[in-house]
Amino acid sequence: MARTTDLALTAIAPVVWGSTYIVTTEALPQGYPLTVAALRALPAGLLLLAITRVLPSRAWLGRILVLGALNFAIFWAFLFIAAYRLPGGAAATLGALQALMVIGFSRWLLGTSISPLAVMASLIGVVGVALLLLGPTSGYDPLGIVAALAGTLSMAAGTVLSRKWQPPVPVLTFTAWQLTAGGALLAPVALFFEPPLPTLTVTNLAGLVWLGLIGAAATYWFWLRGVARLGPSVVSMLGMLSPVSAVVLGWLWLDQYLTALQILGAAIVLFAIRMGQYASRP
């Protein structure tokens, strides 16, 4: 029962992340991806720091900076580059390779054995995401592909290292440290490469609050909690719920239509996730 609860809570994170596209396109000013990423991470991290009131010790500072870079700064920077240079379907399909990368990193960094069933589930999940999102207009810009793979690799490494480097503090504190570090690393890059934000509207502010409080502070707490309790491989398979959520939200919110192939892709993704959970049973 406890494992089911952990799975359900962890799954909330990728389901909410599926709303990022809609919120970004419908509620935020366009052309400021790095600034939005910094505003998503840094205020959320500072808020959690104010709640937890615990700072990392000097011994942990280097590791927290590495995790903040891998899980947020590097990941989000490459994610936005890929989003600009690739159709969303192509970028998300490459992102679905994260589960396979996590299996490899877990073997290397944690000494975890590789389950053939888990590898198969990951491959099936990639096929499902491709059917769900790829279309005839999908492009293959080389730089976009490299950026998507680099971002996916960064998040996969960060997920596994978040399990390997677990400080003796509550998960909420660990989340606060990583978000603050990631936002602090992103902020100067955004200031250097992007112009100042225009005057924000109420809709813009609401979008930033959603991405920061719900899409970062709450969801990454659930995500890192899942990494600690369930393991990186189990959690990474749940990440495939994000494109499913994005498609469903587009259908509900933007009146986009669903094809039979997309429905089949969503079913395959859900099957792959269930298969992945079975492969990683204690």
Protein backbone atom coordinates (compact mmCIF):
# COMPACT_ATOMS: atom_id res chain seq x y z
CA MET A 1 0.00 0.00 0.00
CA ALA A 2 2.86 2.36 0.84
CA ARG A 3 4.48 1.66 -2.53
CA THR A 4 1.22 2.42 -4.33
CA THR A 5 0.98 5.73 -2.48
CA ASP A 6 4.57 6.56 -3.37
CA LEU A 7 3.92 5.77 -7.03
CA ALA A 8 0.76 7.89 -7.08
CA LEU A 9 2.43 10.89 -5.45
CA THR A 10 5.47 10.66 -7.73
CA ALA A 11 3.24 10.40 -10.81
CA ILE A 12 1.70 13.77 -9.94
CA ALA A 13 4.97 15.46 -10.96
CA PRO A 14 5.11 14.43 -14.66
CA VAL A 15 1.34 14.84 -15.02
CA VAL A 16 1.66 18.47 -13.86
CA TRP A 17 4.76 19.00 -16.02
CA GLY A 18 2.57 18.14 -18.99
CA SER A 19 0.85 21.50 -18.45
CA THR A 20 4.10 23.43 -19.02
CA TYR A 21 3.55 23.78 -22.77
CA ILE A 22 0.04 25.19 -22.42
CA VAL A 23 0.99 27.57 -19.63
CA THR A 24 4.09 28.75 -21.50
CA THR A 25 2.32 29.38 -24.80
CA GLU A 26 -0.97 30.71 -23.43
CA ALA A 27 0.01 32.63 -20.29
CA LEU A 28 3.63 33.83 -20.59
CA PRO A 29 5.43 36.40 -22.77
CA GLN A 30 7.18 34.67 -25.66
CA GLY A 31 10.90 34.78 -26.34
CA TYR A 32 12.26 34.64 -22.78
CA PRO A 33 12.86 30.92 -22.14
CA LEU A 34 15.91 31.22 -19.89
CA THR A 35 14.37 34.07 -17.89
CA VAL A 36 11.18 32.08 -17.39
CA ALA A 37 13.22 29.03 -16.34
CA ALA A 38 15.13 31.12 -13.77
CA LEU A 39 11.90 32.65 -12.47
CA ARG A 40 10.45 29.17 -12.22
CA ALA A 41 13.31 27.76 -10.15
CA LEU A 42 14.80 30.54 -8.04
CA PRO A 43 11.69 31.97 -6.31
CA ALA A 44 10.40 28.45 -5.65
CA GLY A 45 13.73 27.45 -4.14
CA LEU A 46 13.95 30.59 -1.98
CA LEU A 47 10.38 30.04 -0.76
CA LEU A 48 11.18 26.48 0.29
CA LEU A 49 14.38 27.69 1.94
CA ALA A 50 12.33 30.20 3.95
CA ILE A 51 10.05 27.36 5.03
CA THR A 52 12.75 24.83 5.89
CA ARG A 53 15.30 27.35 7.22
CA VAL A 54 18.21 25.02 6.58
CA LEU A 55 21.21 25.83 4.38
CA PRO A 56 23.59 23.23 2.96
CA SER A 57 26.86 22.80 4.78
CA ARG A 58 30.11 23.64 3.03
CA ALA A 59 30.75 19.92 2.52
CA TRP A 60 27.48 19.57 0.57
CA LEU A 61 27.63 22.82 -1.38
CA GLY A 62 29.56 21.42 -4.36
CA ARG A 63 27.21 18.47 -4.78
CA ILE A 64 24.13 20.68 -4.54
CA LEU A 65 25.52 22.95 -7.27
CA VAL A 66 26.13 19.92 -9.50
CA LEU A 67 22.59 18.63 -8.89
CA GLY A 68 21.08 22.08 -9.45
CA ALA A 69 22.95 22.33 -12.73
CA LEU A 70 22.03 18.85 -13.96
CA ASN A 71 18.37 18.81 -12.89
CA PHE A 72 17.54 22.44 -13.68
CA ALA A 73 20.10 24.80 -15.23
CA ILE A 74 21.59 22.54 -17.91
CA PHE A 75 18.42 20.50 -18.40
CA TRP A 76 16.09 23.47 -18.88
CA ALA A 77 18.59 25.40 -21.05
CA PHE A 78 18.96 22.49 -23.49
CA LEU A 79 15.25 21.78 -23.27
CA PHE A 80 14.40 25.25 -24.53
CA ILE A 81 17.01 25.08 -27.30
CA ALA A 82 15.46 21.80 -28.44
CA ALA A 83 11.97 23.28 -28.21
CA TYR A 84 12.94 26.12 -30.51
CA ARG A 85 14.73 23.94 -33.07
CA LEU A 86 12.57 20.79 -33.05
CA PRO A 87 8.83 20.15 -33.17
CA GLY A 88 7.51 19.28 -29.73
CA GLY A 89 6.89 15.67 -30.75
CA ALA A 90 10.49 15.06 -31.81
CA ALA A 91 11.89 16.71 -28.66
CA ALA A 92 9.58 14.76 -26.34
CA THR A 93 10.34 11.46 -28.08
CA LEU A 94 14.07 11.99 -27.57
CA GLY A 95 13.29 12.97 -23.97
CA ALA A 96 11.59 9.62 -23.48
CA LEU A 97 15.04 8.02 -23.79
CA GLN A 98 15.68 9.24 -20.24
CA ALA A 99 14.45 5.95 -18.77
CA LEU A 100 17.10 4.02 -20.71
CA MET A 101 19.79 6.50 -19.71
CA VAL A 102 18.78 6.21 -16.05
CA ILE A 103 19.15 2.43 -16.24
CA GLY A 104 22.71 2.90 -17.53
CA PHE A 105 23.62 5.57 -14.97
CA SER A 106 22.14 3.46 -12.16
CA ARG A 107 24.34 0.55 -13.17
CA TRP A 108 27.41 2.80 -13.30
CA LEU A 109 26.86 5.01 -10.25
CA LEU A 110 24.72 2.84 -7.96
CA GLY A 111 25.78 -0.65 -8.96
CA THR A 112 22.19 -1.58 -9.78
CA SER A 113 21.71 -4.65 -11.94
CA ILE A 114 20.17 -4.14 -15.37
CA SER A 115 16.81 -5.81 -15.82
CA PRO A 116 16.10 -6.89 -19.42
CA LEU A 117 12.39 -6.40 -18.72
CA ALA A 118 13.03 -2.81 -17.61
CA VAL A 119 15.04 -2.13 -20.78
CA MET A 120 12.23 -3.58 -22.87
CA ALA A 121 9.66 -1.46 -21.04
CA SER A 122 11.73 1.67 -21.70
CA LEU A 123 12.00 0.91 -25.41
CA ILE A 124 8.26 0.21 -25.65
CA GLY A 125 7.61 3.52 -23.89
CA VAL A 126 9.72 5.39 -26.46
CA VAL A 127 7.70 3.79 -29.26
CA GLY A 128 4.47 4.83 -27.52
CA VAL A 129 5.63 8.44 -27.11
CA ALA A 130 6.66 8.51 -30.78
CA LEU A 131 3.21 7.32 -31.88
CA LEU A 132 1.62 9.82 -29.52
CA LEU A 133 3.56 12.86 -30.68
CA LEU A 134 5.47 12.41 -33.92
CA GLY A 135 3.80 13.63 -37.09
CA PRO A 136 4.68 14.08 -40.77
CA THR A 137 5.94 17.61 -40.08
CA SER A 138 8.45 16.53 -37.44
CA GLY A 139 11.88 17.92 -38.23
CA TYR A 140 15.36 16.67 -37.51
CA ASP A 141 17.54 19.73 -37.01
CA PRO A 142 20.95 18.35 -35.92
CA LEU A 143 21.56 21.01 -33.24
CA GLY A 144 18.05 20.49 -31.89
CA ILE A 145 18.61 16.75 -31.66
CA VAL A 146 21.94 17.23 -29.85
CA ALA A 147 20.30 19.69 -27.43
CA ALA A 148 17.40 17.33 -26.71
CA LEU A 149 19.74 14.41 -26.06
CA ALA A 150 22.08 16.54 -23.92
CA GLY A 151 19.17 17.80 -21.82
CA THR A 152 17.82 14.28 -21.39
CA LEU A 153 21.27 13.02 -20.42
CA SER A 154 21.61 15.84 -17.87
CA MET A 155 18.26 15.08 -16.20
CA ALA A 156 19.00 11.33 -16.17
CA ALA A 157 22.36 11.89 -14.46
CA GLY A 158 20.79 14.32 -12.00
CA THR A 159 18.05 11.86 -11.11
CA VAL A 160 20.52 9.07 -10.35
CA LEU A 161 22.90 11.34 -8.44
CA SER A 162 19.96 12.62 -6.38
CA ARG A 163 19.67 9.04 -5.13
CA LYS A 164 23.42 8.57 -4.68
CA TRP A 165 23.91 11.92 -2.92
CA GLN A 166 21.17 12.04 -0.31
CA PRO A 167 22.00 14.46 2.51
CA PRO A 168 20.72 13.77 6.05
CA VAL A 169 17.88 16.28 5.70
CA PRO A 170 14.17 16.03 4.75
CA VAL A 171 13.34 15.78 1.07
CA LEU A 172 11.70 19.22 1.13
CA THR A 173 15.00 20.76 2.24
CA PHE A 174 16.89 18.81 -0.45
CA THR A 175 14.41 20.12 -3.02
CA ALA A 176 14.88 23.70 -1.79
CA TRP A 177 18.65 23.43 -2.14
CA GLN A 178 18.49 22.07 -5.70
CA LEU A 179 15.91 24.57 -6.94
CA THR A 180 17.81 27.51 -5.46
CA ALA A 181 21.10 26.31 -6.94
CA GLY A 182 19.55 25.74 -10.36
CA GLY A 183 17.83 29.13 -10.36
CA ALA A 184 21.00 30.91 -9.19
CA LEU A 185 22.95 29.31 -12.05
CA LEU A 186 20.27 30.19 -14.63
CA ALA A 187 19.74 33.82 -13.57
CA PRO A 188 23.07 35.32 -14.80
CA VAL A 189 22.83 33.36 -18.06
CA ALA A 190 19.32 34.72 -18.66
CA LEU A 191 20.42 38.28 -17.85
CA PHE A 192 23.31 38.02 -20.31
CA PHE A 193 21.54 36.39 -23.25
CA GLU A 194 17.99 37.77 -23.02
CA PRO A 195 16.48 41.27 -22.87
CA PRO A 196 14.52 42.44 -19.82
CA LEU A 197 10.99 41.12 -19.45
CA PRO A 198 8.15 43.42 -20.52
CA THR A 199 5.60 44.59 -17.98
CA LEU A 200 3.88 41.45 -16.74
CA THR A 201 0.10 41.10 -16.88
CA VAL A 202 -2.05 39.32 -14.33
CA THR A 203 -2.14 36.32 -16.68
CA ASN A 204 1.67 36.32 -16.93
CA LEU A 205 2.00 36.41 -13.14
CA ALA A 206 -0.53 33.62 -12.73
CA GLY A 207 1.43 31.49 -15.21
CA LEU A 208 4.70 32.10 -13.35
CA VAL A 209 3.07 31.27 -10.01
CA TRP A 210 1.74 28.01 -11.44
CA LEU A 211 5.10 27.02 -12.94
CA GLY A 212 6.98 28.02 -9.79
CA LEU A 213 4.80 26.89 -6.90
CA ILE A 214 3.11 23.89 -8.48
CA GLY A 215 5.30 23.04 -11.47
CA ALA A 216 8.57 23.32 -9.53
CA ALA A 217 8.33 23.52 -5.71
CA ALA A 218 5.56 20.94 -5.20
CA THR A 219 6.26 18.59 -8.10
CA TYR A 220 10.01 18.35 -7.62
CA TRP A 221 9.40 17.58 -3.96
CA PHE A 222 7.21 14.66 -5.09
CA TRP A 223 9.79 13.68 -7.71
CA LEU A 224 12.81 13.66 -5.37
CA ARG A 225 10.73 11.91 -2.72
CA GLY A 226 10.01 9.21 -5.29
CA VAL A 227 13.69 8.96 -6.26
CA ALA A 228 14.58 8.37 -2.60
CA ARG A 229 11.82 5.83 -1.92
CA LEU A 230 11.32 4.03 -5.23
CA GLY A 231 14.63 4.40 -7.02
CA PRO A 232 15.64 6.30 -10.18
CA SER A 233 14.60 3.61 -12.68
CA VAL A 234 11.03 3.39 -11.39
CA VAL A 235 10.66 7.16 -11.26
CA SER A 236 12.10 7.74 -14.75
CA MET A 237 9.46 5.48 -16.29
CA LEU A 238 6.76 7.61 -14.67
CA GLY A 239 8.26 10.58 -16.49
CA MET A 240 6.62 9.28 -19.68
CA LEU A 241 3.30 10.42 -18.25
CA SER A 242 4.31 14.00 -19.11
CA PRO A 243 3.71 13.81 -22.90
CA VAL A 244 0.49 11.88 -22.30
CA SER A 245 -0.68 14.63 -19.97
CA ALA A 246 0.32 17.33 -22.48
CA VAL A 247 -1.71 15.71 -25.26
CA VAL A 248 -4.77 15.20 -23.04
CA LEU A 249 -4.60 18.80 -21.80
CA GLY A 250 -4.29 20.04 -25.38
CA TRP A 251 -7.41 18.08 -26.25
CA LEU A 252 -9.33 19.39 -23.25
CA TRP A 253 -8.04 22.96 -23.10
CA LEU A 254 -7.11 23.89 -26.67
CA ASP A 255 -9.73 21.81 -28.52
CA GLN A 256 -7.05 19.81 -30.29
CA TYR A 257 -8.23 16.55 -31.81
CA LEU A 258 -6.89 13.09 -30.97
CA THR A 259 -6.15 10.58 -33.71
CA ALA A 260 -6.48 6.83 -33.35
CA LEU A 261 -2.68 6.58 -33.58
CA GLN A 262 -2.27 8.98 -30.65
CA ILE A 263 -4.72 7.02 -28.54
CA LEU A 264 -2.79 3.84 -29.38
CA GLY A 265 0.47 5.61 -28.44
CA ALA A 266 -0.96 6.71 -25.08
CA ALA A 267 -2.12 3.16 -24.36
CA ILE A 268 1.34 1.80 -25.21
CA VAL A 269 2.99 4.35 -22.91
CA LEU A 270 0.71 3.37 -20.02
CA PHE A 271 1.40 -0.30 -20.69
CA ALA A 272 5.15 0.37 -20.73
CA ILE A 273 4.97 2.24 -17.42
CA ARG A 274 3.07 -0.65 -15.83
CA MET A 275 5.59 -3.08 -17.28
CA GLY A 276 8.42 -0.99 -15.85
CA GLN A 277 6.86 -1.06 -12.38
CA TYR A 278 6.52 -4.86 -12.61
CA ALA A 279 10.17 -5.17 -13.69
CA SER A 280 11.35 -3.19 -10.67
CA ARG A 281 9.29 -4.91 -7.99
CA PRO A 282 11.18 -5.43 -4.72
